[in-house]
Amino acid sequence: MIRAVLTTTALLLATAAPASAATGSLVWDSDAGAWPTEGRSGTWTPPGLFSVREAPEEDNLIRIKGESPDEQEFLEIRLYRHDGQRITEGHFEDQKVLVVNHGFGWYDNAGDFDVEHIAYNDEGLISEFDGAIEHHYRDKPDSTFRAKVSYRR
């Protein structure tokens, strides 16, 4: 059910705004035992409260951040490749993924993510990003965090 909602939301976001508009959405859900998010879920759409940035100085990680308008909810996801290479379009499994919520973070060194689309502006900054992330504990049931990201700047 949640996966269907995330897929539907992503399709709506992809067709809702022209490519020149600054838009973004981070939709996430968590199983009951997915620390640090523990069953909570959320959605952020205002561009000022959501960003996707690449950090070449930090092993080419991609940092995805979202914050609710009331500043009560904050989520950050960091995607890494074990080989330190730049993250490109494609499927990446058994990679390092960090999820931070309310100041607490947890690394999954066997996380999975898909980068469905990524584009850069003239300054070399990410201007478009579509992807999906799974962060989990392989030895613990009900511990998967899932996110769907759509970003245009």
Protein backbone atom coordinates (compact mmCIF):
# COMPACT_ATOMS: atom_id res chain seq x y z
CA MET A 1 0.00 0.00 0.00
CA ILE A 2 2.72 2.48 1.02
CA ARG A 3 4.76 1.67 -2.09
CA ALA A 4 1.69 2.35 -4.25
CA VAL A 5 1.16 5.71 -2.52
CA LEU A 6 4.83 6.65 -3.01
CA THR A 7 4.68 5.67 -6.70
CA THR A 8 1.44 7.62 -7.26
CA THR A 9 2.83 10.67 -5.45
CA ALA A 10 6.00 10.59 -7.54
CA LEU A 11 4.00 10.41 -10.78
CA LEU A 12 1.83 13.34 -9.73
CA LEU A 13 4.88 15.41 -8.81
CA ALA A 14 6.60 14.62 -12.10
CA THR A 15 3.66 16.01 -14.08
CA ALA A 16 2.47 18.77 -11.71
CA ALA A 17 4.94 21.57 -12.46
CA PRO A 18 6.98 22.78 -15.42
CA ALA A 19 10.68 21.94 -15.32
CA SER A 20 11.64 25.61 -14.93
CA ALA A 21 9.77 25.97 -11.60
CA ALA A 22 11.60 25.36 -8.32
CA THR A 23 9.78 22.38 -6.83
CA GLY A 24 10.65 19.47 -4.64
CA SER A 25 9.11 16.70 -2.63
CA LEU A 26 10.40 14.13 -0.21
CA VAL A 27 7.84 11.47 0.73
CA TRP A 28 8.92 8.91 3.31
CA ASP A 29 7.55 6.14 5.47
CA SER A 30 9.05 3.81 8.03
CA ASP A 31 8.32 0.43 9.51
CA ALA A 32 7.63 0.38 13.24
CA GLY A 33 11.22 -0.61 14.12
CA ALA A 34 13.07 1.65 11.67
CA TRP A 35 15.27 3.69 14.00
CA PRO A 36 15.57 6.71 14.09
CA THR A 37 12.25 7.33 12.29
CA GLU A 38 10.26 4.62 14.14
CA GLY A 39 7.07 4.36 12.16
CA ARG A 40 6.65 8.06 11.44
CA SER A 41 6.20 9.36 7.92
CA GLY A 42 6.12 12.73 6.24
CA THR A 43 6.03 14.83 3.10
CA TRP A 44 7.81 18.08 2.28
CA THR A 45 7.04 20.12 -0.81
CA PRO A 46 8.10 23.79 -0.31
CA PRO A 47 11.43 24.33 -2.13
CA GLY A 48 12.81 26.49 0.69
CA LEU A 49 12.52 23.58 3.12
CA PHE A 50 13.89 20.87 0.87
CA SER A 51 17.22 20.46 -0.91
CA VAL A 52 19.38 17.93 -2.74
CA ARG A 53 23.11 18.66 -2.81
CA GLU A 54 26.25 16.82 -3.89
CA ALA A 55 29.37 16.99 -1.72
CA PRO A 56 32.49 16.09 -3.76
CA GLU A 57 34.68 16.82 -0.73
CA GLU A 58 32.85 14.10 1.24
CA ASP A 59 33.37 11.10 -1.06
CA ASN A 60 30.82 12.41 -3.58
CA LEU A 61 27.87 11.83 -1.26
CA ILE A 62 24.43 13.20 -2.09
CA ARG A 63 22.69 14.95 0.81
CA ILE A 64 18.88 15.14 0.79
CA LYS A 65 17.30 17.36 3.45
CA GLY A 66 13.72 18.16 4.35
CA GLU A 67 12.10 20.18 7.10
CA SER A 68 8.45 20.74 7.91
CA PRO A 69 7.19 24.36 7.74
CA ASP A 70 6.63 24.37 11.53
CA GLU A 71 10.24 23.15 12.04
CA GLN A 72 8.92 20.25 14.14
CA GLU A 73 10.17 17.56 11.76
CA PHE A 74 13.62 17.35 10.17
CA LEU A 75 14.99 14.54 8.02
CA GLU A 76 18.33 14.14 6.27
CA ILE A 77 19.40 11.28 4.02
CA ARG A 78 22.97 10.82 2.81
CA LEU A 79 23.78 8.50 -0.07
CA TYR A 80 27.29 7.13 -0.60
CA ARG A 81 29.01 4.75 -2.98
CA HIS A 82 31.49 2.44 -1.28
CA ASP A 83 34.02 3.13 -4.05
CA GLY A 84 33.77 6.94 -3.57
CA GLN A 85 32.80 7.51 -7.21
CA ARG A 86 30.19 10.10 -8.22
CA ILE A 87 26.60 8.91 -7.91
CA THR A 88 25.01 8.66 -11.34
CA GLU A 89 21.69 7.37 -12.67
CA GLY A 90 21.20 3.70 -11.89
CA HIS A 91 20.50 1.15 -9.17
CA PHE A 92 22.90 0.92 -6.24
CA GLU A 93 22.60 -1.89 -3.72
CA ASP A 94 24.58 -2.72 -0.60
CA GLN A 95 25.78 0.88 -0.33
CA LYS A 96 26.20 3.21 2.65
CA VAL A 97 23.06 5.20 3.50
CA LEU A 98 22.60 7.49 6.51
CA VAL A 99 19.19 8.57 7.83
CA VAL A 100 19.03 11.37 10.42
CA ASN A 101 15.81 12.34 12.19
CA HIS A 102 15.46 14.67 15.21
CA GLY A 103 19.26 14.81 15.48
CA PHE A 104 19.72 11.03 15.70
CA GLY A 105 21.27 9.12 12.83
CA TRP A 106 21.91 5.56 11.80
CA TYR A 107 24.11 4.19 9.00
CA ASP A 108 23.12 1.21 6.90
CA ASN A 109 26.20 -0.09 5.08
CA ALA A 110 23.98 -2.33 2.96
CA GLY A 111 21.34 0.21 1.89
CA ASP A 112 19.75 0.38 -1.54
CA PHE A 113 18.93 3.37 -3.70
CA ASP A 114 17.84 4.10 -7.23
CA VAL A 115 18.70 7.31 -9.03
CA GLU A 116 16.12 7.47 -11.77
CA HIS A 117 17.20 10.90 -13.04
CA ILE A 118 19.92 13.41 -12.13
CA ALA A 119 20.89 16.63 -13.92
CA TYR A 120 23.24 19.51 -13.15
CA ASN A 121 23.01 23.24 -13.84
CA ASP A 122 25.76 25.43 -15.36
CA GLU A 123 27.36 25.85 -11.94
CA GLY A 124 27.67 22.08 -11.46
CA LEU A 125 24.94 21.90 -8.79
CA ILE A 126 22.17 19.30 -8.85
CA SER A 127 19.20 20.89 -10.58
CA GLU A 128 17.03 17.77 -11.01
CA PHE A 129 16.88 14.57 -8.99
CA ASP A 130 14.44 11.66 -8.89
CA GLY A 131 15.18 8.65 -6.76
CA ALA A 132 14.10 6.07 -4.22
CA ILE A 133 15.90 4.96 -1.06
CA GLU A 134 15.65 1.97 1.28
CA HIS A 135 17.52 1.99 4.58
CA HIS A 136 17.14 -1.09 6.76
CA TYR A 137 18.61 -3.51 9.24
CA ARG A 138 19.01 -6.85 7.49
CA ASP A 139 18.79 -8.83 10.75
CA LYS A 140 15.74 -7.08 12.20
CA PRO A 141 12.14 -7.31 10.93
CA ASP A 142 9.91 -4.23 10.56
CA SER A 143 12.92 -1.91 10.28
CA THR A 144 12.82 -0.55 6.72
CA PHE A 145 12.79 3.18 5.96
CA ARG A 146 11.61 4.09 2.44
CA ALA A 147 11.74 7.45 0.67
CA LYS A 148 10.77 8.75 -2.75
CA VAL A 149 12.45 11.98 -3.86
CA SER A 150 11.53 14.38 -6.66
CA TYR A 151 13.49 17.62 -6.88
CA ARG A 152 13.71 20.46 -9.41
CA ARG A 153 15.60 23.68 -8.84
